[in-house]
Amino acid sequence: MKFTAIALLSIFGAASAGTPQLSISVRDGNFDGIDGLDPTLKWEASSSTGDVDLTYGVEAAARPTKDVASLPRSIWGKASTNVSGWGVSARADIDCDGYNSADIEVNADNEENDMSVKLVANVGGESSVKSVEATKGMDMDGARLTVTPRLNLEDDDKDVVVTYNNGDTDVKLTASADNQEVEISHSTGDTDIKLTASVDSQELTISQKINDTNRVAPTINNSGEFSVEYERTLGEDSSLTATLKPNESIDVEWKDDAWTANVNMPLDGTEITGANVGIKRDVSF
């Protein structure tokens, strides 16, 4: 007996009040029958025990199969609580390809001292700490400054991220011994400007709101590569966004309430060489 998408949705819907999300995409641009569809089910729920809040979820294939063990693609769980003024959470993402390892993320936030710490590790197989970072925030006359030293133990990389925001302008500086990058965003009226620059590359995006329903945003970089994004608001919770990257792709995203559809069309010169389609929506049971 094969398990179908409907059977899976019924099981998850009965298990909790959480709302499943069903995503359906077309695999490799294959529109030839139902075998070209790749449905994916995402479901999450929450509960509590004592002072600990629990959330958990699963992402699974929703294709008919006799091999039930092959359905889950990822399983995760998160526990959150307060310890001596620190909000502490730990999340585990289990690798469903063999179930022999899990990625662990631990976060601790102290609101009174405006500090946070994040640790990422892997357990099972070769257990190790992957990265550690800490953030200190400061409020200054209506502006906000944060400083985040980061240590990546996998690649032995060390850097510092400094951010500054005063309402209309955001500045982000990332600096290491080998590289420095600055990102500046500024809003004025109906225009948003974003500049990203490092020693090797620079990119500028200017987003202009034409009227209440139309927005256009061209982007250019120092290599001469150019793209343009056009967004049209179709109504409440409904919009259409198209992005053209010459000689690369055309991407279209349509949002309509609970529905989201994405179409990616690779380009070879002016010729469209294929289409990859993804469709998803929230479904309740």
Protein backbone atom coordinates (compact mmCIF):
# COMPACT_ATOMS: atom_id res chain seq x y z
CA MET A 1 0.00 0.00 0.00
CA LYS A 2 1.40 3.39 -1.02
CA PHE A 3 1.25 6.50 1.16
CA THR A 4 -0.10 9.47 -0.80
CA ALA A 5 0.13 13.22 -0.31
CA ILE A 6 -3.47 13.33 0.96
CA ALA A 7 -2.75 10.62 3.53
CA LEU A 8 0.29 12.51 4.80
CA LEU A 9 -1.62 15.76 5.09
CA SER A 10 -4.40 14.04 7.03
CA ILE A 11 -1.93 12.52 9.49
CA PHE A 12 -0.14 15.82 10.15
CA GLY A 13 -3.39 17.75 10.35
CA ALA A 14 -4.77 15.40 13.00
CA ALA A 15 -1.54 15.44 15.01
CA SER A 16 -1.67 19.09 15.94
CA ALA A 17 -3.36 22.41 15.38
CA GLY A 18 -0.31 23.46 13.33
CA THR A 19 -1.03 24.40 9.72
CA PRO A 20 0.76 22.27 7.09
CA GLN A 21 2.20 23.99 4.02
CA LEU A 22 2.18 22.11 0.74
CA SER A 23 4.63 23.20 -1.97
CA ILE A 24 4.48 21.77 -5.48
CA SER A 25 7.28 22.38 -7.96
CA VAL A 26 7.98 21.16 -11.47
CA ARG A 27 11.18 19.15 -11.51
CA ASP A 28 13.79 20.17 -14.10
CA GLY A 29 11.16 21.94 -16.18
CA ASN A 30 9.36 18.64 -16.80
CA PHE A 31 5.68 19.31 -17.46
CA ASP A 32 4.96 15.82 -18.82
CA GLY A 33 2.37 14.36 -16.42
CA ILE A 34 2.26 13.92 -12.65
CA ASP A 35 5.77 12.39 -12.54
CA GLY A 36 7.15 15.84 -13.25
CA LEU A 37 5.73 17.19 -9.99
CA ASP A 38 7.75 17.33 -6.77
CA PRO A 39 5.33 18.00 -3.87
CA THR A 40 6.83 18.87 -0.48
CA LEU A 41 5.00 19.09 2.82
CA LYS A 42 6.16 21.34 5.68
CA TRP A 43 4.49 21.16 9.08
CA GLU A 44 5.30 22.60 12.49
CA ALA A 45 3.67 22.76 15.91
CA SER A 46 4.41 23.97 19.42
CA SER A 47 3.85 22.97 23.03
CA SER A 48 5.33 23.66 26.47
CA THR A 49 6.46 21.75 29.50
CA GLY A 50 7.11 23.69 32.69
CA ASP A 51 9.17 26.79 31.82
CA VAL A 52 10.35 25.34 28.51
CA ASP A 53 8.63 26.21 25.22
CA LEU A 54 8.93 23.60 22.48
CA THR A 55 8.53 23.93 18.72
CA TYR A 56 9.14 21.17 16.21
CA GLY A 57 8.54 20.38 12.59
CA VAL A 58 9.19 18.19 9.59
CA GLU A 59 9.72 18.60 5.86
CA ALA A 60 8.72 15.56 3.86
CA ALA A 61 8.18 14.45 0.30
CA ALA A 62 4.48 14.02 -0.45
CA ARG A 63 4.85 11.56 -3.32
CA PRO A 64 3.21 8.09 -3.35
CA THR A 65 5.68 5.47 -2.08
CA LYS A 66 5.93 2.17 -0.25
CA ASP A 67 9.13 3.27 1.51
CA VAL A 68 7.82 5.43 4.37
CA ALA A 69 11.36 6.01 5.69
CA SER A 70 12.24 7.85 2.49
CA LEU A 71 9.55 10.53 2.98
CA PRO A 72 11.15 12.81 5.64
CA ARG A 73 13.73 15.23 4.25
CA SER A 74 14.42 17.10 7.48
CA ILE A 75 13.22 16.99 11.08
CA TRP A 76 13.86 19.76 13.60
CA GLY A 77 13.06 20.69 17.17
CA LYS A 78 13.65 23.77 19.32
CA ALA A 79 13.52 24.34 23.08
CA SER A 80 13.43 27.83 24.65
CA THR A 81 13.57 28.99 28.26
CA ASN A 82 14.96 31.73 30.54
CA VAL A 83 18.04 31.27 32.72
CA SER A 84 19.16 34.07 35.09
CA GLY A 85 18.02 36.88 32.80
CA TRP A 86 19.14 35.17 29.60
CA GLY A 87 16.70 33.91 26.99
CA VAL A 88 18.24 30.61 25.90
CA SER A 89 17.18 28.46 22.95
CA ALA A 90 18.62 25.32 21.38
CA ARG A 91 17.58 23.98 17.99
CA ALA A 92 18.49 20.63 16.40
CA ASP A 93 18.12 19.84 12.68
CA ILE A 94 18.41 16.12 12.03
CA ASP A 95 19.94 14.83 8.82
CA CYS A 96 17.35 12.41 7.41
CA ASP A 97 19.92 10.83 5.09
CA GLY A 98 20.98 8.13 7.54
CA TYR A 99 19.82 9.87 10.73
CA ASN A 100 23.41 9.80 12.00
CA SER A 101 24.06 13.50 12.62
CA ALA A 102 22.36 16.74 13.62
CA ASP A 103 23.16 20.42 13.32
CA ILE A 104 22.80 22.25 16.64
CA GLU A 105 22.27 26.00 17.10
CA VAL A 106 22.31 27.56 20.56
CA ASN A 107 21.30 31.19 21.13
CA ALA A 108 21.43 33.24 24.34
CA ASP A 109 20.04 36.79 24.59
CA ASN A 110 20.27 39.21 27.49
CA GLU A 111 17.88 42.09 26.86
CA GLU A 112 18.97 44.11 29.91
CA ASN A 113 22.63 44.17 28.85
CA ASP A 114 21.84 44.25 25.10
CA MET A 115 24.01 41.21 24.42
CA SER A 116 23.57 37.95 22.53
CA VAL A 117 25.67 34.85 21.85
CA LYS A 118 25.27 32.24 19.11
CA LEU A 119 26.96 28.85 18.77
CA VAL A 120 26.62 26.42 15.86
CA ALA A 121 27.81 22.81 16.15
CA ASN A 122 27.36 19.35 14.69
CA VAL A 123 26.84 16.17 16.73
CA GLY A 124 27.07 12.58 15.56
CA GLY A 125 29.88 11.23 13.45
CA GLU A 126 32.64 13.82 13.89
CA SER A 127 31.10 16.11 16.51
CA SER A 128 32.50 19.63 16.45
CA VAL A 129 31.77 23.30 17.08
CA LYS A 130 31.43 25.09 13.73
CA SER A 131 31.17 28.75 14.70
CA VAL A 132 30.78 31.16 17.61
CA GLU A 133 29.70 34.79 17.58
CA ALA A 134 28.65 37.44 20.10
CA THR A 135 26.79 40.72 19.58
CA LYS A 136 26.81 43.85 21.72
CA GLY A 137 24.26 46.58 20.95
CA MET A 138 24.26 50.25 21.93
CA ASP A 139 21.60 52.96 21.52
CA MET A 140 22.94 56.45 20.81
CA ASP A 141 20.64 59.50 20.44
CA GLY A 142 18.06 57.77 18.25
CA ALA A 143 20.64 55.67 16.40
CA ARG A 144 21.73 52.09 17.04
CA LEU A 145 25.18 50.52 16.82
CA THR A 146 26.00 46.81 17.04
CA VAL A 147 29.39 45.07 17.11
CA THR A 148 29.64 41.34 16.35
CA PRO A 149 32.97 39.47 16.47
CA ARG A 150 32.67 36.10 14.68
CA LEU A 151 34.83 32.97 14.69
CA ASN A 152 34.38 30.27 12.03
CA LEU A 153 36.23 27.21 13.33
CA GLU A 154 35.60 25.14 10.19
CA ASP A 155 37.50 27.55 7.92
CA ASP A 156 39.57 29.23 10.65
CA ASP A 157 38.10 32.60 9.63
CA LYS A 158 37.76 35.54 12.01
CA ASP A 159 35.96 38.81 11.32
CA VAL A 160 33.98 41.62 12.92
CA VAL A 161 30.62 42.96 11.73
CA VAL A 162 29.66 46.52 12.72
CA THR A 163 26.18 47.89 11.92
CA TYR A 164 24.78 51.39 12.32
CA ASN A 165 21.18 52.58 11.83
CA ASN A 166 19.70 56.04 12.32
CA GLY A 167 16.29 55.52 10.73
CA ASP A 168 16.88 56.52 7.10
CA THR A 169 20.36 55.06 6.71
CA ASP A 170 21.80 51.61 7.43
CA VAL A 171 25.54 50.91 7.34
CA LYS A 172 27.10 47.46 7.65
CA LEU A 173 30.87 46.96 7.77
CA THR A 174 32.41 43.48 7.66
CA ALA A 175 36.15 43.38 8.28
CA SER A 176 38.72 40.59 8.53
CA ALA A 177 42.46 40.41 8.07
CA ASP A 178 42.01 39.57 4.37
CA ASN A 179 38.90 41.46 3.29
CA GLN A 180 36.71 44.44 4.08
CA GLU A 181 33.20 45.08 2.77
CA VAL A 182 30.77 47.91 3.41
CA GLU A 183 27.03 47.94 2.69
CA ILE A 184 25.11 51.23 2.80
CA SER A 185 21.33 51.59 2.43
CA HIS A 186 19.55 54.94 2.39
CA SER A 187 15.86 55.82 1.99
CA THR A 188 14.58 59.21 0.90
CA GLY A 189 10.98 59.71 -0.17
CA ASP A 190 10.06 57.11 -2.80
CA THR A 191 13.70 56.17 -3.51
CA ASP A 192 15.84 53.52 -1.82
CA ILE A 193 19.56 53.32 -2.58
CA LYS A 194 21.83 50.39 -1.69
CA LEU A 195 25.59 50.26 -2.26
CA THR A 196 27.75 47.22 -1.54
CA ALA A 197 31.49 47.64 -1.98
CA SER A 198 34.68 45.72 -1.31
CA VAL A 199 38.18 45.89 -2.76
CA ASP A 200 37.25 43.51 -5.60
CA SER A 201 33.58 44.29 -6.31
CA GLN A 202 31.04 47.08 -6.12
CA GLU A 203 27.27 46.91 -6.68
CA LEU A 204 24.63 49.64 -6.74
CA THR A 205 20.83 49.23 -6.59
CA ILE A 206 18.39 52.13 -6.92
CA SER A 207 14.76 51.26 -6.13
CA GLN A 208 12.25 53.83 -7.32
CA LYS A 209 8.56 53.80 -6.41
CA ILE A 210 6.75 55.10 -9.52
CA ASN A 211 3.31 55.24 -7.93
CA ASP A 212 1.22 53.33 -5.37
CA THR A 213 1.25 50.13 -7.45
CA ASN A 214 4.52 50.14 -9.41
CA ARG A 215 8.20 49.95 -8.43
CA VAL A 216 11.35 49.49 -10.52
CA ALA A 217 14.86 48.65 -9.23
CA PRO A 218 17.88 48.47 -11.57
CA THR A 219 21.17 46.99 -10.29
CA ILE A 220 24.65 47.35 -11.80
CA ASN A 221 28.08 46.20 -10.64
CA ASN A 222 31.69 47.01 -11.50
CA SER A 223 31.88 44.05 -13.93
CA GLY A 224 29.22 45.66 -16.10
CA GLU A 225 26.57 43.10 -15.14
CA PHE A 226 23.10 44.59 -15.08
CA SER A 227 19.68 43.46 -13.84
CA VAL A 228 16.32 45.13 -13.35
CA GLU A 229 13.44 44.21 -11.03
CA TYR A 230 9.87 45.35 -11.60
CA GLU A 231 7.15 44.94 -8.97
CA ARG A 232 3.45 45.62 -9.44
CA THR A 233 0.97 45.52 -6.57
CA LEU A 234 -2.20 43.80 -7.77
CA GLY A 235 -4.27 44.27 -4.63
CA GLU A 236 -4.25 43.42 -0.94
CA ASP A 237 -1.74 40.58 -0.31
CA SER A 238 -1.23 40.23 -4.07
CA SER A 239 1.78 41.25 -6.19
CA LEU A 240 3.76 40.34 -9.29
CA THR A 241 7.57 40.69 -9.39
CA ALA A 242 9.71 40.13 -12.49
CA THR A 243 13.53 40.22 -12.54
CA LEU A 244 15.52 40.30 -15.79
CA LYS A 245 19.21 39.34 -15.81
CA PRO A 246 20.38 39.65 -19.45
CA ASN A 247 21.98 36.49 -20.86
CA GLU A 248 21.18 34.70 -17.60
CA SER A 249 17.51 34.42 -16.60
CA ILE A 250 14.04 35.86 -16.19
CA ASP A 251 12.46 35.26 -12.78
CA VAL A 252 8.79 35.87 -12.06
CA GLU A 253 7.12 35.64 -8.63
CA TRP A 254 3.37 35.92 -8.21
CA LYS A 255 1.86 36.20 -4.73
CA ASP A 256 -1.87 36.00 -4.12
CA ASP A 257 -2.85 35.65 -0.48
CA ALA A 258 -1.85 32.09 0.53
CA TRP A 259 -0.56 31.21 -2.97
CA THR A 260 3.01 31.84 -4.16
CA ALA A 261 4.19 30.86 -7.65
CA ASN A 262 7.79 31.17 -8.89
CA VAL A 263 8.95 30.74 -12.47
CA ASN A 264 12.64 30.69 -13.45
CA MET A 265 13.43 30.84 -17.18
CA PRO A 266 17.14 30.52 -18.13
CA LEU A 267 18.32 32.68 -21.05
CA ASP A 268 20.82 31.99 -23.82
CA GLY A 269 21.14 35.39 -25.41
CA THR A 270 17.53 36.34 -26.12
CA GLU A 271 16.30 32.71 -26.23
CA ILE A 272 14.46 31.15 -23.29
CA THR A 273 15.96 27.66 -22.87
CA GLY A 274 13.58 26.17 -20.30
CA ALA A 275 11.33 26.82 -17.33
CA ASN A 276 11.40 25.78 -13.68
CA VAL A 277 8.13 26.29 -11.84
CA GLY A 278 7.36 26.22 -8.11
CA ILE A 279 3.92 26.64 -6.57
CA LYS A 280 3.04 26.61 -2.88
CA ARG A 281 0.25 27.60 -0.53
CA ASP A 282 -0.84 27.16 3.08
CA VAL A 283 -3.38 24.42 3.52
CA SER A 284 -5.46 23.89 6.69
CA PHE A 285 -7.22 20.75 7.88
